[in-house]
N, C-alpha and C. Protein backbone atom coordinates (compact mmCIF):
# COMPACT_ATOMS: atom_id res chain seq x y z
N MET A 1 -54.12 37.50 47.93
CA MET A 1 -54.79 36.23 48.15
C MET A 1 -53.76 35.21 48.64
N SER A 2 -54.07 34.50 49.70
CA SER A 2 -53.15 33.49 50.21
C SER A 2 -53.52 32.13 49.64
N ALA A 3 -52.54 31.24 49.64
CA ALA A 3 -52.76 29.88 49.14
C ALA A 3 -53.63 29.10 50.11
N PRO A 4 -54.45 28.19 49.59
CA PRO A 4 -55.22 27.33 50.49
C PRO A 4 -54.27 26.52 51.37
N SER A 5 -54.67 26.31 52.62
CA SER A 5 -53.79 25.58 53.54
C SER A 5 -54.61 24.78 54.53
N VAL A 6 -53.92 23.85 55.20
CA VAL A 6 -54.52 23.05 56.25
C VAL A 6 -53.48 22.90 57.36
N ASP A 7 -53.93 23.02 58.61
CA ASP A 7 -53.06 22.83 59.76
C ASP A 7 -53.20 21.41 60.27
N TYR A 8 -52.15 20.92 60.93
CA TYR A 8 -52.20 19.60 61.55
C TYR A 8 -51.38 19.62 62.83
N SER A 9 -51.83 18.86 63.83
CA SER A 9 -51.10 18.84 65.09
C SER A 9 -51.09 17.49 65.78
N VAL A 10 -51.90 16.54 65.30
CA VAL A 10 -51.93 15.20 65.87
C VAL A 10 -52.01 14.18 64.73
N PRO A 11 -51.59 12.92 64.98
CA PRO A 11 -51.63 11.92 63.91
C PRO A 11 -53.00 11.78 63.25
N GLY A 12 -54.07 11.98 63.99
CA GLY A 12 -55.40 11.88 63.40
C GLY A 12 -55.69 12.94 62.35
N ASP A 13 -54.87 13.98 62.28
CA ASP A 13 -55.05 15.03 61.27
C ASP A 13 -54.48 14.65 59.91
N LEU A 14 -53.67 13.58 59.84
CA LEU A 14 -52.98 13.25 58.58
C LEU A 14 -53.94 12.88 57.46
N GLY A 15 -55.07 12.26 57.78
CA GLY A 15 -56.07 11.96 56.76
C GLY A 15 -56.60 13.23 56.12
N ALA A 16 -56.84 14.26 56.93
CA ALA A 16 -57.32 15.54 56.41
C ALA A 16 -56.24 16.21 55.57
N VAL A 17 -54.98 16.05 55.95
CA VAL A 17 -53.87 16.61 55.15
C VAL A 17 -53.84 15.93 53.78
N ARG A 18 -53.91 14.61 53.76
CA ARG A 18 -53.90 13.89 52.48
C ARG A 18 -55.09 14.27 51.62
N ALA A 19 -56.27 14.38 52.22
CA ALA A 19 -57.47 14.77 51.46
C ALA A 19 -57.32 16.17 50.90
N PHE A 20 -56.78 17.09 51.69
CA PHE A 20 -56.54 18.45 51.22
C PHE A 20 -55.60 18.45 50.01
N VAL A 21 -54.49 17.73 50.12
CA VAL A 21 -53.52 17.68 49.01
C VAL A 21 -54.18 17.09 47.77
N ARG A 22 -54.92 15.99 47.93
CA ARG A 22 -55.58 15.37 46.79
C ARG A 22 -56.54 16.35 46.12
N THR A 23 -57.40 16.97 46.90
CA THR A 23 -58.41 17.88 46.35
C THR A 23 -57.76 19.05 45.62
N GLN A 24 -56.77 19.68 46.25
CA GLN A 24 -56.14 20.85 45.66
C GLN A 24 -55.33 20.49 44.41
N ALA A 25 -54.60 19.39 44.46
CA ALA A 25 -53.77 19.00 43.32
C ALA A 25 -54.62 18.62 42.12
N LEU A 26 -55.65 17.80 42.34
CA LEU A 26 -56.52 17.42 41.22
C LEU A 26 -57.24 18.63 40.64
N ALA A 27 -57.70 19.54 41.51
CA ALA A 27 -58.38 20.75 41.04
C ALA A 27 -57.45 21.65 40.24
N SER A 28 -56.15 21.53 40.49
CA SER A 28 -55.16 22.34 39.77
C SER A 28 -54.70 21.69 38.48
N GLY A 29 -55.22 20.49 38.18
CA GLY A 29 -54.90 19.84 36.93
C GLY A 29 -53.82 18.77 37.00
N MET A 30 -53.40 18.39 38.17
CA MET A 30 -52.40 17.34 38.30
C MET A 30 -53.06 15.99 38.04
N SER A 31 -52.33 15.09 37.39
CA SER A 31 -52.86 13.76 37.11
C SER A 31 -53.04 12.99 38.41
N PRO A 32 -53.94 12.01 38.43
CA PRO A 32 -54.12 11.20 39.64
C PRO A 32 -52.82 10.51 40.08
N THR A 33 -52.02 10.03 39.15
CA THR A 33 -50.77 9.35 39.52
C THR A 33 -49.80 10.30 40.19
N ARG A 34 -49.62 11.48 39.63
CA ARG A 34 -48.72 12.48 40.22
C ARG A 34 -49.29 12.97 41.56
N THR A 35 -50.61 13.07 41.64
CA THR A 35 -51.24 13.48 42.90
C THR A 35 -50.93 12.48 44.01
N GLU A 36 -50.98 11.20 43.71
CA GLU A 36 -50.65 10.18 44.71
C GLU A 36 -49.21 10.33 45.18
N LEU A 37 -48.28 10.63 44.27
CA LEU A 37 -46.88 10.84 44.66
C LEU A 37 -46.75 12.05 45.57
N LEU A 38 -47.45 13.13 45.22
CA LEU A 38 -47.41 14.32 46.07
C LEU A 38 -47.99 14.03 47.45
N MET A 39 -49.08 13.30 47.49
CA MET A 39 -49.67 12.94 48.78
C MET A 39 -48.69 12.13 49.63
N LEU A 40 -47.96 11.22 49.02
CA LEU A 40 -46.97 10.43 49.73
C LEU A 40 -45.87 11.32 50.30
N ALA A 41 -45.38 12.25 49.49
CA ALA A 41 -44.31 13.15 49.93
C ALA A 41 -44.78 14.04 51.09
N VAL A 42 -45.96 14.62 50.95
CA VAL A 42 -46.48 15.50 52.00
C VAL A 42 -46.77 14.70 53.27
N ASN A 43 -47.33 13.51 53.13
CA ASN A 43 -47.59 12.68 54.30
C ASN A 43 -46.30 12.36 55.05
N GLU A 44 -45.23 12.08 54.32
CA GLU A 44 -43.95 11.80 54.96
C GLU A 44 -43.45 13.01 55.73
N LEU A 45 -43.52 14.19 55.13
CA LEU A 45 -43.07 15.41 55.82
C LEU A 45 -43.94 15.71 57.03
N ALA A 46 -45.25 15.57 56.89
CA ALA A 46 -46.16 15.85 58.01
C ALA A 46 -45.95 14.84 59.14
N THR A 47 -45.72 13.59 58.80
CA THR A 47 -45.44 12.58 59.81
C THR A 47 -44.16 12.92 60.55
N ASN A 48 -43.12 13.33 59.82
CA ASN A 48 -41.87 13.74 60.46
C ASN A 48 -42.11 14.91 61.41
N THR A 49 -42.94 15.86 61.00
CA THR A 49 -43.28 16.98 61.87
C THR A 49 -43.83 16.48 63.20
N LEU A 50 -44.78 15.57 63.13
CA LEU A 50 -45.43 15.08 64.35
C LEU A 50 -44.48 14.24 65.20
N GLN A 51 -43.55 13.55 64.57
CA GLN A 51 -42.62 12.70 65.32
C GLN A 51 -41.44 13.47 65.91
N HIS A 52 -41.02 14.54 65.25
CA HIS A 52 -39.74 15.14 65.61
C HIS A 52 -39.81 16.61 66.03
N THR A 53 -41.00 17.23 66.03
CA THR A 53 -41.12 18.63 66.43
C THR A 53 -42.31 18.79 67.36
N THR A 54 -42.49 20.00 67.83
CA THR A 54 -43.68 20.30 68.63
C THR A 54 -44.49 21.38 67.91
N GLY A 55 -45.77 21.42 68.20
CA GLY A 55 -46.60 22.49 67.67
C GLY A 55 -47.28 22.20 66.35
N GLY A 56 -47.06 21.03 65.76
CA GLY A 56 -47.73 20.72 64.50
C GLY A 56 -47.17 21.50 63.33
N GLY A 57 -47.96 21.58 62.27
CA GLY A 57 -47.50 22.25 61.06
C GLY A 57 -48.64 22.72 60.20
N ARG A 58 -48.26 23.21 59.03
CA ARG A 58 -49.22 23.72 58.06
C ARG A 58 -48.76 23.31 56.66
N VAL A 59 -49.74 22.90 55.84
CA VAL A 59 -49.48 22.57 54.44
C VAL A 59 -50.26 23.56 53.58
N SER A 60 -49.56 24.20 52.65
CA SER A 60 -50.18 25.10 51.67
C SER A 60 -49.86 24.57 50.27
N LEU A 61 -50.79 24.73 49.35
CA LEU A 61 -50.61 24.19 48.02
C LEU A 61 -51.25 25.11 46.99
N TRP A 62 -50.53 25.32 45.88
CA TRP A 62 -51.05 26.15 44.79
C TRP A 62 -50.37 25.77 43.49
N ALA A 63 -50.96 26.17 42.39
CA ALA A 63 -50.38 25.96 41.06
C ALA A 63 -49.66 27.24 40.65
N ASP A 64 -48.50 27.05 39.99
CA ASP A 64 -47.71 28.19 39.54
C ASP A 64 -46.88 27.79 38.34
N ASP A 65 -47.16 28.37 37.19
CA ASP A 65 -46.35 28.21 35.99
C ASP A 65 -46.13 26.74 35.63
N GLY A 66 -47.22 25.97 35.55
CA GLY A 66 -47.14 24.58 35.14
C GLY A 66 -46.65 23.63 36.21
N GLN A 67 -46.65 24.09 37.45
CA GLN A 67 -46.19 23.26 38.56
C GLN A 67 -47.18 23.33 39.72
N ILE A 68 -47.17 22.30 40.52
CA ILE A 68 -47.80 22.36 41.84
C ILE A 68 -46.70 22.71 42.81
N VAL A 69 -46.96 23.70 43.64
CA VAL A 69 -46.01 24.11 44.69
C VAL A 69 -46.69 23.80 46.02
N CYS A 70 -45.97 23.14 46.90
CA CYS A 70 -46.53 22.75 48.19
C CYS A 70 -45.52 23.07 49.29
N ASP A 71 -45.93 23.89 50.24
CA ASP A 71 -45.09 24.22 51.39
C ASP A 71 -45.57 23.44 52.60
N VAL A 72 -44.61 22.81 53.28
CA VAL A 72 -44.88 22.15 54.56
C VAL A 72 -44.04 22.90 55.59
N VAL A 73 -44.72 23.57 56.52
CA VAL A 73 -44.05 24.45 57.49
C VAL A 73 -44.22 23.86 58.88
N ASP A 74 -43.11 23.80 59.63
CA ASP A 74 -43.17 23.38 61.02
C ASP A 74 -42.10 24.10 61.82
N GLN A 75 -41.96 23.76 63.08
CA GLN A 75 -40.98 24.42 63.95
C GLN A 75 -39.69 23.61 64.09
N GLY A 76 -39.48 22.67 63.19
CA GLY A 76 -38.29 21.83 63.23
C GLY A 76 -37.06 22.53 62.68
N PRO A 77 -35.91 21.85 62.81
CA PRO A 77 -34.67 22.41 62.30
C PRO A 77 -34.64 22.36 60.78
N PRO A 78 -33.71 23.09 60.17
CA PRO A 78 -33.57 23.01 58.71
C PRO A 78 -33.24 21.58 58.28
N ARG A 79 -33.69 21.22 57.11
CA ARG A 79 -33.36 19.92 56.54
C ARG A 79 -32.35 20.14 55.42
N ALA A 80 -31.39 19.27 55.32
CA ALA A 80 -30.38 19.38 54.27
C ALA A 80 -30.79 18.54 53.07
N PHE A 81 -30.69 19.13 51.90
CA PHE A 81 -30.90 18.42 50.63
C PHE A 81 -29.73 18.75 49.74
N PRO A 82 -29.25 17.84 48.93
CA PRO A 82 -29.80 16.50 48.67
C PRO A 82 -29.50 15.53 49.80
N ARG A 83 -30.29 14.46 49.83
CA ARG A 83 -30.16 13.43 50.87
C ARG A 83 -29.79 12.11 50.22
N PRO A 84 -28.77 11.47 50.75
CA PRO A 84 -28.45 10.14 50.23
C PRO A 84 -29.48 9.12 50.72
N MET A 85 -29.70 8.09 49.95
CA MET A 85 -30.57 7.01 50.39
C MET A 85 -29.79 6.17 51.40
N PRO A 86 -30.37 5.92 52.58
CA PRO A 86 -29.69 5.09 53.58
C PRO A 86 -29.41 3.68 53.04
N THR A 87 -28.49 3.00 53.66
CA THR A 87 -28.17 1.64 53.26
C THR A 87 -29.37 0.73 53.49
N VAL A 88 -29.36 -0.42 52.85
CA VAL A 88 -30.50 -1.33 52.94
C VAL A 88 -30.74 -1.84 54.35
N ASP A 89 -29.70 -1.87 55.19
CA ASP A 89 -29.89 -2.37 56.55
C ASP A 89 -30.25 -1.27 57.55
N ALA A 90 -30.35 -0.03 57.10
CA ALA A 90 -30.74 1.07 57.99
C ALA A 90 -32.20 0.91 58.39
N VAL A 91 -32.48 1.16 59.66
CA VAL A 91 -33.84 1.00 60.17
C VAL A 91 -34.70 2.22 59.85
N ARG A 92 -34.11 3.41 59.83
CA ARG A 92 -34.85 4.66 59.61
C ARG A 92 -34.07 5.53 58.63
N GLY A 93 -34.68 6.65 58.28
CA GLY A 93 -33.97 7.67 57.54
C GLY A 93 -34.24 7.75 56.06
N ARG A 94 -35.21 6.99 55.56
CA ARG A 94 -35.48 7.00 54.13
C ARG A 94 -36.49 8.07 53.71
N GLY A 95 -37.26 8.58 54.65
CA GLY A 95 -38.38 9.46 54.32
C GLY A 95 -38.01 10.67 53.49
N LEU A 96 -37.05 11.46 53.95
CA LEU A 96 -36.69 12.67 53.21
C LEU A 96 -36.00 12.33 51.89
N ALA A 97 -35.25 11.24 51.87
CA ALA A 97 -34.63 10.82 50.61
C ALA A 97 -35.70 10.42 49.60
N ILE A 98 -36.75 9.76 50.06
CA ILE A 98 -37.85 9.39 49.17
C ILE A 98 -38.58 10.63 48.69
N VAL A 99 -38.85 11.58 49.59
CA VAL A 99 -39.51 12.83 49.20
C VAL A 99 -38.73 13.50 48.08
N GLU A 100 -37.43 13.55 48.23
CA GLU A 100 -36.60 14.21 47.23
C GLU A 100 -36.66 13.50 45.88
N ARG A 101 -36.78 12.18 45.89
CA ARG A 101 -36.83 11.43 44.64
C ARG A 101 -38.20 11.49 43.98
N ILE A 102 -39.24 11.69 44.77
CA ILE A 102 -40.60 11.78 44.23
C ILE A 102 -40.83 13.13 43.55
N CYS A 103 -40.29 14.19 44.12
CA CYS A 103 -40.58 15.55 43.66
C CYS A 103 -39.57 16.00 42.62
N ASP A 104 -39.98 16.93 41.79
CA ASP A 104 -39.08 17.49 40.79
C ASP A 104 -38.08 18.45 41.41
N GLN A 105 -38.46 19.09 42.51
CA GLN A 105 -37.56 20.02 43.21
C GLN A 105 -37.97 20.08 44.67
N VAL A 106 -36.98 20.10 45.56
CA VAL A 106 -37.23 20.24 47.00
C VAL A 106 -36.26 21.27 47.53
N ASP A 107 -36.79 22.28 48.21
CA ASP A 107 -35.97 23.33 48.82
C ASP A 107 -36.42 23.49 50.27
N THR A 108 -35.55 24.04 51.07
CA THR A 108 -35.91 24.31 52.46
C THR A 108 -35.31 25.64 52.89
N VAL A 109 -36.06 26.33 53.74
CA VAL A 109 -35.59 27.60 54.29
C VAL A 109 -36.17 27.74 55.69
N THR A 110 -35.36 28.30 56.58
CA THR A 110 -35.83 28.54 57.94
C THR A 110 -35.93 30.04 58.17
N GLY A 111 -37.04 30.46 58.75
CA GLY A 111 -37.28 31.88 59.00
C GLY A 111 -38.09 32.04 60.26
N PRO A 112 -38.64 33.24 60.47
CA PRO A 112 -39.38 33.54 61.70
C PRO A 112 -40.63 32.67 61.89
N ASP A 113 -41.20 32.17 60.79
CA ASP A 113 -42.41 31.34 60.89
C ASP A 113 -42.09 29.86 61.05
N GLY A 114 -40.82 29.49 61.04
CA GLY A 114 -40.43 28.09 61.16
C GLY A 114 -39.61 27.65 59.96
N THR A 115 -39.57 26.35 59.78
CA THR A 115 -38.85 25.76 58.65
C THR A 115 -39.85 25.37 57.59
N THR A 116 -39.60 25.81 56.37
CA THR A 116 -40.46 25.48 55.23
C THR A 116 -39.72 24.53 54.31
N VAL A 117 -40.37 23.40 54.01
CA VAL A 117 -39.90 22.53 52.94
C VAL A 117 -40.85 22.76 51.78
N ARG A 118 -40.29 23.24 50.66
CA ARG A 118 -41.09 23.53 49.47
C ARG A 118 -40.89 22.44 48.43
N LEU A 119 -42.00 21.84 48.06
CA LEU A 119 -42.01 20.79 47.04
C LEU A 119 -42.55 21.35 45.75
N ARG A 120 -41.95 20.95 44.64
CA ARG A 120 -42.46 21.33 43.31
C ARG A 120 -42.57 20.08 42.46
N LEU A 121 -43.73 19.92 41.84
CA LEU A 121 -43.94 18.84 40.89
C LEU A 121 -44.56 19.44 39.63
N HIS A 122 -44.02 19.06 38.48
CA HIS A 122 -44.58 19.53 37.22
C HIS A 122 -45.95 18.90 37.01
N LEU A 123 -46.87 19.72 36.50
CA LEU A 123 -48.19 19.19 36.21
C LEU A 123 -48.09 18.19 35.07
């Protein structure tokens, strides 16, 4: 059985991505507050996909051993973690640092299907 997933390829798809994350996380027992944090993290990653890669991406989400696990897969380059928070006068670059601070664990791996950023949040 594969994890539920949603594909996205244009900015107009981001609402469907957020709705998918909300529905799956709440159905898995995540609190509304933690669900909002997960939605923020996934939205940031999906937005980065649309801004910095081609071909769109896919979000998969499932519960595993008291955690929500969420994969965001795209054709972008590997991302390095941990990420420092940019200085206050920096115009860009906070997104991945914020994702890392919102989630309990963030990992990335690049393979034949693209680059996967895996988010884990405790239920």
